[in-house]
PDB file of N, CA and C in Angstrom:
ATOM      1  N   MET A   1     136.661-226.211 118.718  1.00  0.00           N
ATOM      2  CA  MET A   1     135.056-225.230 119.484  1.00  0.00           C
ATOM      3  C   MET A   1     134.439-225.346 119.422  1.00  0.00           C
ATOM      4  N   LYS A   2     133.137-225.329 120.507  1.00  0.00           N
ATOM      5  CA  LYS A   2     132.235-225.311 121.275  1.00  0.00           C
ATOM      6  C   LYS A   2     131.204-223.845 120.530  1.00  0.00           C
ATOM      7  N   LYS A   3     130.785-224.236 119.331  1.00  0.00           N
ATOM      8  CA  LYS A   3     129.768-222.839 119.028  1.00  0.00           C
ATOM      9  C   LYS A   3     128.324-222.615 119.471  1.00  0.00           C
ATOM     10  N   ILE A   4     128.505-221.585 121.100  1.00  0.00           N
ATOM     11  CA  ILE A   4     126.929-221.267 121.945  1.00  0.00           C
ATOM     12  C   ILE A   4     125.990-220.139 121.271  1.00  0.00           C
ATOM     13  N   VAL A   5     125.403-220.259 121.637  1.00  0.00           N
ATOM     14  CA  VAL A   5     123.936-219.809 121.508  1.00  0.00           C
ATOM     15  C   VAL A   5     123.082-218.959 122.421  1.00  0.00           C
ATOM     16  N   ILE A   6     123.182-217.762 122.622  1.00  0.00           N
ATOM     17  CA  ILE A   6     121.783-216.931 123.618  1.00  0.00           C
ATOM     18  C   ILE A   6     120.999-216.975 123.075  1.00  0.00           C
ATOM     19  N   LEU A   7     119.461-217.381 123.639  1.00  0.00           N
ATOM     20  CA  LEU A   7     118.189-217.020 123.502  1.00  0.00           C
ATOM     21  C   LEU A   7     117.915-216.181 124.839  1.00  0.00           C
ATOM     22  N   ARG A   8     117.302-215.624 125.091  1.00  0.00           N
ATOM     23  CA  ARG A   8     116.927-214.407 125.524  1.00  0.00           C
ATOM     24  C   ARG A   8     115.547-213.910 125.465  1.00  0.00           C
ATOM     25  N   CYS A   9     115.006-213.670 126.883  1.00  0.00           N
ATOM     26  CA  CYS A   9     113.722-213.828 125.751  1.00  0.00           C
ATOM     27  C   CYS A   9     112.911-211.899 125.254  1.00  0.00           C
ATOM     28  N   LEU A  10     111.728-211.400 124.190  1.00  0.00           N
ATOM     29  CA  LEU A  10     111.475-210.127 124.073  1.00  0.00           C
ATOM     30  C   LEU A  10     111.488-208.652 125.277  1.00  0.00           C
ATOM     31  N   ARG A  11     111.136-209.423 125.943  1.00  0.00           N
ATOM     32  CA  ARG A  11     109.739-208.490 126.523  1.00  0.00           C
ATOM     33  C   ARG A  11     111.436-207.769 127.771  1.00  0.00           C
ATOM     34  N   SER A  12     112.113-209.082 127.996  1.00  0.00           N
ATOM     35  CA  SER A  12     114.058-208.340 128.267  1.00  0.00           C
ATOM     36  C   SER A  12     114.141-207.000 127.943  1.00  0.00           C
ATOM     37  N   GLU A  13     114.118-206.987 126.919  1.00  0.00           N
ATOM     38  CA  GLU A  13     114.790-205.601 125.784  1.00  0.00           C
ATOM     39  C   GLU A  13     114.237-204.206 126.435  1.00  0.00           C
ATOM     40  N   GLU A  14     112.995-203.969 127.284  1.00  0.00           N
ATOM     41  CA  GLU A  14     112.879-203.302 127.999  1.00  0.00           C
ATOM     42  C   GLU A  14     113.027-202.601 128.302  1.00  0.00           C
ATOM     43  N   ASN A  15     114.259-203.835 129.815  1.00  0.00           N
ATOM     44  CA  ASN A  15     115.700-203.132 130.769  1.00  0.00           C
ATOM     45  C   ASN A  15     117.142-204.032 130.450  1.00  0.00           C
ATOM     46  N   CYS A  16     116.927-204.900 130.094  1.00  0.00           N
ATOM     47  CA  CYS A  16     118.097-205.871 129.324  1.00  0.00           C
ATOM     48  C   CYS A  16     119.129-204.952 128.450  1.00  0.00           C
ATOM     49  N   THR A  17     120.207-205.422 128.939  1.00  0.00           N
ATOM     50  CA  THR A  17     120.942-204.734 127.674  1.00  0.00           C
ATOM     51  C   THR A  17     122.176-205.961 128.035  1.00  0.00           C
ATOM     52  N   GLY A  18     121.153-207.259 128.227  1.00  0.00           N
ATOM     53  CA  GLY A  18     122.786-208.376 128.308  1.00  0.00           C
ATOM     54  C   GLY A  18     124.321-208.340 128.430  1.00  0.00           C
ATOM     55  N   ALA A  19     124.114-207.245 129.310  1.00  0.00           N
ATOM     56  CA  ALA A  19     125.683-207.187 129.931  1.00  0.00           C
ATOM     57  C   ALA A  19     125.852-208.401 130.976  1.00  0.00           C
ATOM     58  N   ALA A  20     124.506-209.246 131.257  1.00  0.00           N
ATOM     59  CA  ALA A  20     125.156-210.036 132.627  1.00  0.00           C
ATOM     60  C   ALA A  20     125.099-211.183 131.999  1.00  0.00           C
ATOM     61  N   CYS A  21     124.593-211.696 130.761  1.00  0.00           N
ATOM     62  CA  CYS A  21     125.026-212.672 130.276  1.00  0.00           C
ATOM     63  C   CYS A  21     125.915-212.776 129.089  1.00  0.00           C
ATOM     64  N   LEU A  22     126.551-211.510 128.864  1.00  0.00           N
ATOM     65  CA  LEU A  22     128.516-211.722 127.604  1.00  0.00           C
ATOM     66  C   LEU A  22     129.450-211.849 129.292  1.00  0.00           C
ATOM     67  N   GLN A  23     128.415-210.967 130.094  1.00  0.00           N
ATOM     68  CA  GLN A  23     129.701-210.560 131.410  1.00  0.00           C
ATOM     69  C   GLN A  23     130.437-211.736 131.748  1.00  0.00           C
ATOM     70  N   VAL A  24     129.254-213.361 132.407  1.00  0.00           N
ATOM     71  CA  VAL A  24     129.260-214.565 132.759  1.00  0.00           C
ATOM     72  C   VAL A  24     130.326-215.416 131.556  1.00  0.00           C
ATOM     73  N   PHE A  25     129.434-214.706 130.070  1.00  0.00           N
ATOM     74  CA  PHE A  25     130.157-215.835 129.578  1.00  0.00           C
ATOM     75  C   PHE A  25     131.537-214.871 129.183  1.00  0.00           C
ATOM     76  N   ASN A  26     132.501-214.465 128.916  1.00  0.00           N
ATOM     77  CA  ASN A  26     133.543-213.484 128.914  1.00  0.00           C
ATOM     78  C   ASN A  26     134.425-214.006 130.411  1.00  0.00           C
ATOM     79  N   ASN A  27     133.522-213.657 130.748  1.00  0.00           N
ATOM     80  CA  ASN A  27     134.334-214.541 132.676  1.00  0.00           C
ATOM     81  C   ASN A  27     134.444-216.166 132.601  1.00  0.00           C
ATOM     82  N   ARG A  28     133.439-216.820 131.662  1.00  0.00           N
ATOM     83  CA  ARG A  28     133.410-218.624 132.339  1.00  0.00           C
ATOM     84  C   ARG A  28     133.058-218.761 133.812  1.00  0.00           C
ATOM     85  N   SER A  29     131.854-217.928 134.206  1.00  0.00           N
ATOM     86  CA  SER A  29     131.060-217.411 135.447  1.00  0.00           C
ATOM     87  C   SER A  29     130.377-218.214 134.839  1.00  0.00           C
ATOM     88  N   ALA A  30     129.244-218.726 136.521  1.00  0.00           N
ATOM     89  CA  ALA A  30     127.896-218.861 136.616  1.00  0.00           C
ATOM     90  C   ALA A  30     127.662-220.273 135.807  1.00  0.00           C
ATOM     91  N   GLN A  31     126.319-220.131 134.317  1.00  0.00           N
ATOM     92  CA  GLN A  31     126.386-221.279 134.193  1.00  0.00           C
ATOM     93  C   GLN A  31     127.689-222.221 132.765  1.00  0.00           C
ATOM     94  N   PHE A  32     128.566-221.269 132.346  1.00  0.00           N
ATOM     95  CA  PHE A  32     129.112-221.021 131.551  1.00  0.00           C
ATOM     96  C   PHE A  32     130.995-222.259 131.786  1.00  0.00           C
ATOM     97  N   ALA A  33     130.876-221.855 133.286  1.00  0.00           N
ATOM     98  CA  ALA A  33     130.947-222.079 134.402  1.00  0.00           C
ATOM     99  C   ALA A  33     131.494-223.673 134.087  1.00  0.00           C
ATOM    100  N   ARG A  34     130.948-224.218 133.360  1.00  0.00           N
ATOM    101  CA  ARG A  34     130.892-225.755 133.013  1.00  0.00           C
ATOM    102  C   ARG A  34     131.295-226.201 131.272  1.00  0.00           C
ATOM    103  N   TYR A  35     132.662-224.708 130.515  1.00  0.00           N
ATOM    104  CA  TYR A  35     133.112-225.577 129.685  1.00  0.00           C
ATOM    105  C   TYR A  35     134.713-225.067 130.204  1.00  0.00           C
ATOM    106  N   GLY A  36     135.233-224.847 131.517  1.00  0.00           N
ATOM    107  CA  GLY A  36     136.520-224.432 132.167  1.00  0.00           C
ATOM    108  C   GLY A  36     137.891-224.382 130.949  1.00  0.00           C
ATOM    109  N   GLY A  37     138.252-225.031 130.614  1.00  0.00           N
ATOM    110  CA  GLY A  37     140.009-224.368 129.942  1.00  0.00           C
ATOM    111  C   GLY A  37     139.431-224.640 128.456  1.00  0.00           C
ATOM    112  N   GLU A  38     137.384-225.071 127.952  1.00  0.00           N
ATOM    113  CA  GLU A  38     137.560-225.460 126.792  1.00  0.00           C
ATOM    114  C   GLU A  38     137.707-224.144 125.623  1.00  0.00           C
ATOM    115  N   GLU A  39     137.693-224.548 125.031  1.00  0.00           N
ATOM    116  CA  GLU A  39     137.420-223.085 123.270  1.00  0.00           C
ATOM    117  C   GLU A  39     136.046-223.036 123.440  1.00  0.00           C
ATOM    118  N   ILE A  40     135.681-221.658 123.638  1.00  0.00           N
ATOM    119  CA  ILE A  40     133.826-221.333 123.473  1.00  0.00           C
ATOM    120  C   ILE A  40     134.057-220.478 122.809  1.00  0.00           C
ATOM    121  N   GLN A  41     132.856-220.813 121.826  1.00  0.00           N
ATOM    122  CA  GLN A  41     132.624-218.827 120.510  1.00  0.00           C
ATOM    123  C   GLN A  41     131.222-218.672 121.156  1.00  0.00           C
ATOM    124  N   LEU A  42     130.557-217.779 120.915  1.00  0.00           N
ATOM    125  CA  LEU A  42     129.932-217.055 121.201  1.00  0.00           C
ATOM    126  C   LEU A  42     129.031-216.793 119.348  1.00  0.00           C
ATOM    127  N   VAL A  43     127.926-217.294 119.415  1.00  0.00           N
ATOM    128  CA  VAL A  43     128.063-217.784 116.899  1.00  0.00           C
ATOM    129  C   VAL A  43     126.512-216.534 117.603  1.00  0.00           C
ATOM    130  N   ALA A  44     126.107-216.064 118.896  1.00  0.00           N
ATOM    131  CA  ALA A  44     124.802-215.387 118.080  1.00  0.00           C
ATOM    132  C   ALA A  44     123.352-214.967 119.652  1.00  0.00           C
ATOM    133  N   PHE A  45     122.858-214.941 119.344  1.00  0.00           N
ATOM    134  CA  PHE A  45     122.394-213.516 120.769  1.00  0.00           C
ATOM    135  C   PHE A  45     120.883-213.429 120.766  1.00  0.00           C
ATOM    136  N   MET A  46     120.186-214.860 120.493  1.00  0.00           N
ATOM    137  CA  MET A  46     119.086-213.687 120.040  1.00  0.00           C
ATOM    138  C   MET A  46     118.418-214.625 120.733  1.00  0.00           C
ATOM    139  N   ALA A  47     116.915-213.299 120.186  1.00  0.00           N
ATOM    140  CA  ALA A  47     115.776-212.781 121.542  1.00  0.00           C
ATOM    141  C   ALA A  47     114.719-213.321 120.078  1.00  0.00           C
ATOM    142  N   CYS A  48     113.548-214.525 121.173  1.00  0.00           N
ATOM    143  CA  CYS A  48     112.479-214.744 120.613  1.00  0.00           C
ATOM    144  C   CYS A  48     111.477-213.402 119.713  1.00  0.00           C
ATOM    145  N   ASN A  49     110.897-213.476 118.905  1.00  0.00           N
ATOM    146  CA  ASN A  49     110.348-212.569 117.869  1.00  0.00           C
ATOM    147  C   ASN A  49     109.419-212.076 119.254  1.00  0.00           C
ATOM    148  N   GLY A  50     108.897-212.659 120.440  1.00  0.00           N
ATOM    149  CA  GLY A  50     107.574-212.257 121.383  1.00  0.00           C
ATOM    150  C   GLY A  50     106.359-213.328 121.455  1.00  0.00           C
ATOM    151  N   CYS A  51     106.198-212.790 121.908  1.00  0.00           N
ATOM    152  CA  CYS A  51     104.335-213.971 122.145  1.00  0.00           C
ATOM    153  C   CYS A  51     103.489-212.660 122.944  1.00  0.00           C
ATOM    154  N   ARG A  52     101.620-212.998 123.186  1.00  0.00           N
ATOM    155  CA  ARG A  52     100.996-212.716 122.822  1.00  0.00           C
ATOM    156  C   ARG A  52     100.995-211.336 122.643  1.00  0.00           C
ATOM    157  N   LYS A  53      99.957-209.669 122.839  1.00  0.00           N
ATOM    158  CA  LYS A  53     100.537-208.372 122.382  1.00  0.00           C
ATOM    159  C   LYS A  53     102.157-207.599 121.352  1.00  0.00           C
ATOM    160  N   LEU A  54     103.113-208.398 122.283  1.00  0.00           N
ATOM    161  CA  LEU A  54     103.709-208.446 121.712  1.00  0.00           C
ATOM    162  C   LEU A  54     104.424-209.129 121.226  1.00  0.00           C
ATOM    163  N   THR A  55     105.186-208.646 119.908  1.00  0.00           N
ATOM    164  CA  THR A  55     105.568-209.062 119.230  1.00  0.00           C
ATOM    165  C   THR A  55     107.059-208.751 117.499  1.00  0.00           C
ATOM    166  N   LEU A  56     107.574-209.550 116.547  1.00  0.00           N
ATOM    167  CA  LEU A  56     108.456-208.710 115.871  1.00  0.00           C
ATOM    168  C   LEU A  56     107.180-208.805 114.536  1.00  0.00           C
ATOM    169  N   GLY A  57     106.572-209.216 114.430  1.00  0.00           N
ATOM    170  CA  GLY A  57     105.182-208.837 113.127  1.00  0.00           C
ATOM    171  C   GLY A  57     105.123-210.529 113.085  1.00  0.00           C
ATOM    172  N   ASP A  58     104.914-211.636 111.313  1.00  0.00           N
ATOM    173  CA  ASP A  58     104.221-212.593 111.374  1.00  0.00           C
ATOM    174  C   ASP A  58     105.736-213.919 111.551  1.00  0.00           C
ATOM    175  N   SER A  59     105.195-215.038 111.908  1.00  0.00           N
ATOM    176  CA  SER A  59     106.443-216.080 112.818  1.00  0.00           C
ATOM    177  C   SER A  59     107.486-216.265 110.797  1.00  0.00           C
ATOM    178  N   SER A  60     107.689-216.055 109.781  1.00  0.00           N
ATOM    179  CA  SER A  60     108.541-215.791 108.659  1.00  0.00           C
ATOM    180  C   SER A  60     109.347-215.170 109.665  1.00  0.00           C
ATOM    181  N   GLY A  61     109.790-214.159 110.306  1.00  0.00           N
ATOM    182  CA  GLY A  61     110.979-213.675 110.783  1.00  0.00           C
ATOM    183  C   GLY A  61     111.980-214.685 112.016  1.00  0.00           C
ATOM    184  N   LEU A  62     110.651-215.654 112.503  1.00  0.00           N
ATOM    185  CA  LEU A  62     111.364-216.563 113.678  1.00  0.00           C
ATOM    186  C   LEU A  62     111.976-217.502 112.659  1.00  0.00           C
ATOM    187  N   GLU A  63     110.944-218.176 111.296  1.00  0.00           N
ATOM    188  CA  GLU A  63     110.849-219.576 111.094  1.00  0.00           C
ATOM    189  C   GLU A  63     112.872-219.163 110.575  1.00  0.00           C
ATOM    190  N   GLU A  64     112.627-217.511 109.972  1.00  0.00           N
ATOM    191  CA  GLU A  64     114.024-217.125 109.088  1.00  0.00           C
ATOM    192  C   GLU A  64     115.348-217.133 110.005  1.00  0.00           C
ATOM    193  N   LYS A  65     114.765-216.104 111.412  1.00  0.00           N
ATOM    194  CA  LYS A  65     115.912-216.957 112.820  1.00  0.00           C
ATOM    195  C   LYS A  65     116.477-218.491 112.754  1.00  0.00           C
ATOM    196  N   ILE A  66     115.280-218.991 112.675  1.00  0.00           N
ATOM    197  CA  ILE A  66     115.819-220.682 113.484  1.00  0.00           C
ATOM    198  C   ILE A  66     116.884-220.746 111.706  1.00  0.00           C
ATOM    199  N   GLU A  67     116.085-221.152 110.975  1.00  0.00           N
ATOM    200  CA  GLU A  67     117.464-221.665 108.972  1.00  0.00           C
ATOM    201  C   GLU A  67     118.258-220.777 109.911  1.00  0.00           C
ATOM    202  N   ARG A  68     118.771-219.577 110.433  1.00  0.00           N
ATOM    203  CA  ARG A  68     119.961-219.304 110.837  1.00  0.00           C
ATOM    204  C   ARG A  68     120.849-219.948 111.394  1.00  0.00           C
ATOM    205  N   ILE A  69     120.181-219.600 112.109  1.00  0.00           N
ATOM    206  CA  ILE A  69     120.946-221.000 113.669  1.00  0.00           C
ATOM    207  C   ILE A  69     120.822-221.593 113.450  1.00  0.00           C
ATOM    208  N   LEU A  70     119.835-222.909 112.396  1.00  0.00           N
ATOM    209  CA  LEU A  70     120.640-224.088 112.187  1.00  0.00           C
ATOM    210  C   LEU A  70     121.513-223.888 111.466  1.00  0.00           C
ATOM    211  N   SER A  71     122.130-223.020 110.722  1.00  0.00           N
ATOM    212  CA  SER A  71     123.399-223.146 110.019  1.00  0.00           C
ATOM    213  C   SER A  71     124.394-222.771 110.127  1.00  0.00           C
ATOM    214  N   ILE A  72     124.242-222.052 110.989  1.00  0.00           N
ATOM    215  CA  ILE A  72     125.312-221.982 112.072  1.00  0.00           C
ATOM    216  C   ILE A  72     126.091-223.582 112.854  1.00  0.00           C
ATOM    217  N   LYS A  73     124.520-223.551 113.295  1.00  0.00           N
ATOM    218  CA  LYS A  73     125.343-226.154 113.514  1.00  0.00           C
ATOM    219  C   LYS A  73     126.103-225.142 114.592  1.00  0.00           C
ATOM    220  N   PRO A  74     125.061-224.672 115.870  1.00  0.00           N
ATOM    221  CA  PRO A  74     125.725-224.475 117.567  1.00  0.00           C
ATOM    222  C   PRO A  74     126.229-225.419 118.613  1.00  0.00           C
ATOM    223  N   ASP A  75     126.818-225.768 119.152  1.00  0.00           N
ATOM    224  CA  ASP A  75     126.893-226.600 119.740  1.00  0.00           C
ATOM    225  C   ASP A  75     125.854-226.553 120.134  1.00  0.00           C
ATOM    226  N   VAL A  76     125.191-225.317 121.653  1.00  0.00           N
ATOM    227  CA  VAL A  76     125.113-225.628 123.009  1.00  0.00           C
ATOM    228  C   VAL A  76     123.825-224.277 123.256  1.00  0.00           C
ATOM    229  N   VAL A  77     122.420-224.050 122.848  1.00  0.00           N
ATOM    230  CA  VAL A  77     122.163-222.648 123.262  1.00  0.00           C
ATOM    231  C   VAL A  77     121.848-222.738 124.781  1.00  0.00           C
ATOM    232  N   HIS A  78     121.755-221.972 125.472  1.00  0.00           N
ATOM    233  CA  HIS A  78     121.842-221.186 127.203  1.00  0.00           C
ATOM    234  C   HIS A  78     120.521-220.385 126.895  1.00  0.00           C
ATOM    235  N   VAL A  79     119.929-220.179 128.010  1.00  0.00           N
ATOM    236  CA  VAL A  79     117.869-219.849 127.564  1.00  0.00           C
ATOM    237  C   VAL A  79     117.881-219.645 128.991  1.00  0.00           C
ATOM    238  N   GLY A  80     118.112-218.212 128.261  1.00  0.00           N
ATOM    239  CA  GLY A  80     118.649-217.015 129.299  1.00  0.00           C
ATOM    240  C   GLY A  80     117.342-217.546 130.737  1.00  0.00           C
ATOM    241  N   ILE A  81     117.228-216.698 131.130  1.00  0.00           N
ATOM    242  CA  ILE A  81     116.665-216.755 133.387  1.00  0.00           C
ATOM    243  C   ILE A  81     115.464-215.688 132.932  1.00  0.00           C
ATOM    244  N   CYS A  82     116.305-215.180 131.496  1.00  0.00           N
ATOM    245  CA  CYS A  82     114.626-213.622 131.564  1.00  0.00           C
ATOM    246  C   CYS A  82     113.320-214.927 130.707  1.00  0.00           C
ATOM    247  N   CYS A  83     113.820-215.902 130.096  1.00  0.00           N
ATOM    248  CA  CYS A  83     112.955-216.521 129.738  1.00  0.00           C
ATOM    249  C   CYS A  83     112.064-217.358 130.531  1.00  0.00           C
ATOM    250  N   LYS A  84     112.091-217.083 131.492  1.00  0.00           N
ATOM    251  CA  LYS A  84     111.804-217.366 132.689  1.00  0.00           C
ATOM    252  C   LYS A  84     110.922-216.070 133.063  1.00  0.00           C
ATOM    253  N   THR A  85     111.679-215.427 133.655  1.00  0.00           N
ATOM    254  CA  THR A  85     110.705-214.867 135.282  1.00  0.00           C
ATOM    255  C   THR A  85     110.389-213.320 133.980  1.00  0.00           C
ATOM    256  N   ARG A  86     110.478-212.913 133.007  1.00  0.00           N
ATOM    257  CA  ARG A  86     109.275-211.909 131.843  1.00  0.00           C
ATOM    258  C   ARG A  86     108.039-212.675 131.956  1.00  0.00           C
ATOM    259  N   THR A  87     107.671-214.278 132.549  1.00  0.00           N
ATOM    260  CA  THR A  87     106.217-214.289 132.097  1.00  0.00           C
ATOM    261  C   THR A  87     105.068-214.219 133.124  1.00  0.00           C
ATOM    262  N   ASP A  88     103.950-213.899 133.086  1.00  0.00           N
ATOM    263  CA  ASP A  88     103.299-213.721 133.872  1.00  0.00           C
ATOM    264  C   ASP A  88     103.167-215.085 135.091  1.00  0.00           C
ATOM    265  N   ASP A  89     103.118-215.892 135.101  1.00  0.00           N
ATOM    266  CA  ASP A  89     103.279-216.988 135.677  1.00  0.00           C
ATOM    267  C   ASP A  89     104.427-217.899 135.995  1.00  0.00           C
ATOM    268  N   ASN A  90     105.960-217.095 135.931  1.00  0.00           N
ATOM    269  CA  ASN A  90     106.974-217.864 135.924  1.00  0.00           C
ATOM    270  C   ASN A  90     107.731-218.357 136.199  1.00  0.00           C
ATOM    271  N   GLU A  91     107.381-219.435 134.647  1.00  0.00           N
ATOM    272  CA  GLU A  91     107.221-220.302 134.175  1.00  0.00           C
ATOM    273  C   GLU A  91     108.242-219.889 132.480  1.00  0.00           C
ATOM    274  N   TYR A  92     108.582-221.138 132.315  1.00  0.00           N
ATOM    275  CA  TYR A  92     109.058-221.017 130.937  1.00  0.00           C
ATOM    276  C   TYR A  92     107.736-220.512 129.044  1.00  0.00           C
ATOM    277  N   CYS A  93     107.975-219.782 128.615  1.00  0.00           N
ATOM    278  CA  CYS A  93     107.084-218.895 128.046  1.00  0.00           C
ATOM    279  C   CYS A  93     106.753-220.019 127.076  1.00  0.00           C
ATOM    280  N   PRO A  94     106.228-220.532 126.771  1.00  0.00           N
ATOM    281  CA  PRO A  94     105.718-221.623 125.522  1.00  0.00           C
ATOM    282  C   PRO A  94     106.644-221.137 124.322  1.00  0.00           C
ATOM    283  N   GLU A  95     105.924-219.923 124.116  1.00  0.00           N
ATOM    284  CA  GLU A  95     107.582-219.463 122.496  1.00  0.00           C
ATOM    285  C   GLU A  95     108.598-220.294 122.240  1.00  0.00           C
ATOM    286  N   VAL A  96     109.705-219.917 124.082  1.00  0.00           N
ATOM    287  CA  VAL A  96     110.432-220.408 124.056  1.00  0.00           C
ATOM    288  C   VAL A  96     110.995-221.548 124.147  1.00  0.00           C
ATOM    289  N   LEU A  97     109.714-222.554 124.361  1.00  0.00           N
ATOM    290  CA  LEU A  97     109.845-223.605 124.699  1.00  0.00           C
ATOM    291  C   LEU A  97     109.948-224.303 123.068  1.00  0.00           C
ATOM    292  N   ARG A  98     109.239-223.847 122.242  1.00  0.00           N
ATOM    293  CA  ARG A  98     109.279-224.693 121.205  1.00  0.00           C
ATOM    294  C   ARG A  98     109.889-224.471 120.722  1.00  0.00           C
ATOM    295  N   LEU A  99     111.465-223.252 120.855  1.00  0.00           N
ATOM    296  CA  LEU A  99     112.308-223.366 120.069  1.00  0.00           C
ATOM    297  C   LEU A  99     113.506-224.515 120.662  1.00  0.00           C
ATOM    298  N   VAL A 100     113.281-224.491 122.294  1.00  0.00           N
ATOM    299  CA  VAL A 100     114.197-224.887 122.939  1.00  0.00           C
ATOM    300  C   VAL A 100     114.071-226.739 121.818  1.00  0.00           C
ATOM    301  N   ASP A 101     112.710-226.780 121.752  1.00  0.00           N
ATOM    302  CA  ASP A 101     112.315-228.303 121.125  1.00  0.00           C
ATOM    303  C   ASP A 101     113.072-227.903 119.473  1.00  0.00           C
ATOM    304  N   ILE A 102     112.994-227.182 118.709  1.00  0.00           N
ATOM    305  CA  ILE A 102     113.426-227.319 117.329  1.00  0.00           C
ATOM    306  C   ILE A 102     114.714-227.482 117.680  1.00  0.00           C
ATOM    307  N   PHE A 103     115.228-226.972 118.621  1.00  0.00           N
ATOM    308  CA  PHE A 103     116.960-226.690 118.858  1.00  0.00           C
ATOM    309  C   PHE A 103     117.705-228.439 118.759  1.00  0.00           C
ATOM    310  N   ARG A 104     116.334-228.905 119.933  1.00  0.00           N
ATOM    311  CA  ARG A 104     117.336-230.114 120.242  1.00  0.00           C
ATOM    312  C   ARG A 104     116.439-231.267 119.448  1.00  0.00           C
ATOM    313  N   ASN A 105     115.970-230.996 119.001  1.00  0.00           N
ATOM    314  CA  ASN A 105     115.689-232.487 118.067  1.00  0.00           C
ATOM    315  C   ASN A 105     116.600-231.907 116.448  1.00  0.00           C
ATOM    316  N   HIS A 106     117.541-230.857 116.535  1.00  0.00           N
ATOM    317  CA  HIS A 106     118.211-230.618 116.100  1.00  0.00           C
ATOM    318  C   HIS A 106     119.559-231.428 116.567  1.00  0.00           C
ATOM    319  N   GLY A 107     119.951-231.665 118.137  1.00  0.00           N
ATOM    320  CA  GLY A 107     120.883-232.274 117.746  1.00  0.00           C
ATOM    321  C   GLY A 107     121.360-231.248 118.977  1.00  0.00           C
ATOM    322  N   ILE A 108     121.076-230.670 119.687  1.00  0.00           N
ATOM    323  CA  ILE A 108     121.724-228.979 119.697  1.00  0.00           C
ATOM    324  C   ILE A 108     120.922-229.170 121.190  1.00  0.00           C
ATOM    325  N   GLU A 109     122.104-229.379 122.159  1.00  0.00           N
ATOM    326  CA  GLU A 109     122.315-229.694 123.674  1.00  0.00           C
ATOM    327  C   GLU A 109     121.918-227.455 123.909  1.00  0.00           C
ATOM    328  N   ILE A 110     120.865-228.208 125.349  1.00  0.00           N
ATOM    329  CA  ILE A 110     119.884-227.123 125.797  1.00  0.00           C
ATOM    330  C   ILE A 110     120.445-226.850 127.495  1.00  0.00           C
ATOM    331  N   VAL A 111     120.535-225.560 127.508  1.00  0.00           N
ATOM    332  CA  VAL A 111     121.755-225.995 128.786  1.00  0.00           C
ATOM    333  C   VAL A 111     120.258-224.669 129.212  1.00  0.00           C
ATOM    334  N   TRP A 112     119.948-224.308 130.381  1.00  0.00           N
ATOM    335  CA  TRP A 112     118.551-223.524 131.240  1.00  0.00           C
ATOM    336  C   TRP A 112     119.890-222.286 131.703  1.00  0.00           C
ATOM    337  N   GLY A 113     119.979-220.901 131.045  1.00  0.00           N
ATOM    338  CA  GLY A 113     120.429-220.669 132.019  1.00  0.00           C
ATOM    339  C   GLY A 113     122.052-219.668 131.490  1.00  0.00           C
ATOM    340  N   THR A 114     122.153-217.959 132.703  1.00  0.00           N
ATOM    341  CA  THR A 114     123.222-217.838 131.291  1.00  0.00           C
ATOM    342  C   THR A 114     124.169-217.034 133.418  1.00  0.00           C
ATOM    343  N   HIS A 115     123.401-216.072 133.666  1.00  0.00           N
ATOM    344  CA  HIS A 115     124.215-215.456 135.100  1.00  0.00           C
ATOM    345  C   HIS A 115     123.063-215.254 135.781  1.00  0.00           C
ATOM    346  N   SER A 116     122.447-216.464 136.122  1.00  0.00           N
ATOM    347  CA  SER A 116     120.929-216.442 136.809  1.00  0.00           C
ATOM    348  C   SER A 116     120.368-217.218 138.075  1.00  0.00           C
ATOM    349  N   GLY A 117     119.988-217.405 138.757  1.00  0.00           N
ATOM    350  CA  GLY A 117     118.865-218.524 139.348  1.00  0.00           C
ATOM    351  C   GLY A 117     118.056-218.098 139.247  1.00  0.00           C
ATOM    352  N   SER A 118     116.130-218.023 139.505  1.00  0.00           N
ATOM    353  CA  SER A 118     115.554-217.806 139.376  1.00  0.00           C
ATOM    354  C   SER A 118     114.976-216.013 139.810  1.00  0.00           C
ATOM    355  N   VAL A 119     115.848-215.224 139.535  1.00  0.00           N
ATOM    356  CA  VAL A 119     115.427-213.812 140.824  1.00  0.00           C
ATOM    357  C   VAL A 119     113.803-213.255 139.446  1.00  0.00           C
ATOM    358  N   ARG A 120     112.398-213.596 139.785  1.00  0.00           N
ATOM    359  CA  ARG A 120     111.782-212.413 139.542  1.00  0.00           C
ATOM    360  C   ARG A 120     112.286-211.762 139.346  1.00  0.00           C
ATOM    361  N   HIS A 121     111.512-210.583 138.363  1.00  0.00           N
ATOM    362  CA  HIS A 121     111.818-209.365 137.535  1.00  0.00           C
ATOM    363  C   HIS A 121     109.951-208.531 138.337  1.00  0.00           C
ATOM    364  N   LEU A 122     110.005-207.977 138.747  1.00  0.00           N
ATOM    365  CA  LEU A 122     108.172-208.120 139.218  1.00  0.00           C
ATOM    366  C   LEU A 122     107.746-207.054 138.565  1.00  0.00           C
ATOM    367  N   ARG A 123     106.658-206.513 137.866  1.00  0.00           N
ATOM    368  CA  ARG A 123     105.644-206.027 136.786  1.00  0.00           C
ATOM    369  C   ARG A 123     105.366-205.566 137.634  1.00  0.00           C
ATOM    370  N   LYS A 124     104.215-203.547 137.369  1.00  0.00           N
ATOM    371  CA  LYS A 124     103.047-202.862 137.742  1.00  0.00           C
ATOM    372  C   LYS A 124     101.987-203.681 137.469  1.00  0.00           C
ATOM    373  N   GLU A 125     102.495-203.956 135.929  1.00  0.00           N
ATOM    374  CA  GLU A 125     101.239-204.471 136.147  1.00  0.00           C
ATOM    375  C   GLU A 125     101.097-205.869 135.179  1.00  0.00           C
ATOM    376  N   PRO A 126     100.033-206.816 134.893  1.00  0.00           N
ATOM    377  CA  PRO A 126     100.698-207.869 134.328  1.00  0.00           C
ATOM    378  C   PRO A 126     100.571-207.572 132.710  1.00  0.00           C
ATOM    379  N   TYR A 127     101.419-208.547 132.678  1.00  0.00           N
ATOM    380  CA  TYR A 127     101.626-208.765 130.835  1.00  0.00           C
ATOM    381  C   TYR A 127      99.969-209.237 130.168  1.00  0.00           C
ATOM    382  N   GLU A 128      99.612-208.786 129.503  1.00  0.00           N
ATOM    383  CA  GLU A 128      98.454-209.385 128.165  1.00  0.00           C
ATOM    384  C   GLU A 128      98.594-210.368 127.289  1.00  0.00           C
TER     385      GLU A 128
END
């Protein structure tokens, strides 16, 4: 059985229910179609701890999340498109890229995306 983690952006919490990621996982469509008939299990649906002014506190909480993810030994981490589209410059967030490096350095495969391509979520004001 392939263990899968979905990594999403904390900033997306303002409008994301996670339903699109879970739907394509359950339907094995979009980026999850690659698994075909293989048995898969979603073992974590995690958010980063934020960046710049949007945070959940100090980094010790994030370090605990990382340890917990590593302890369940996932095979794959899918990085949600929100980790790119929720940034001001439409590039992958440095905090998410740091997490990707940690997971990759532990032998975990990284897949960019879950349910969609690079659709930009426009905001009225830029993030600070």
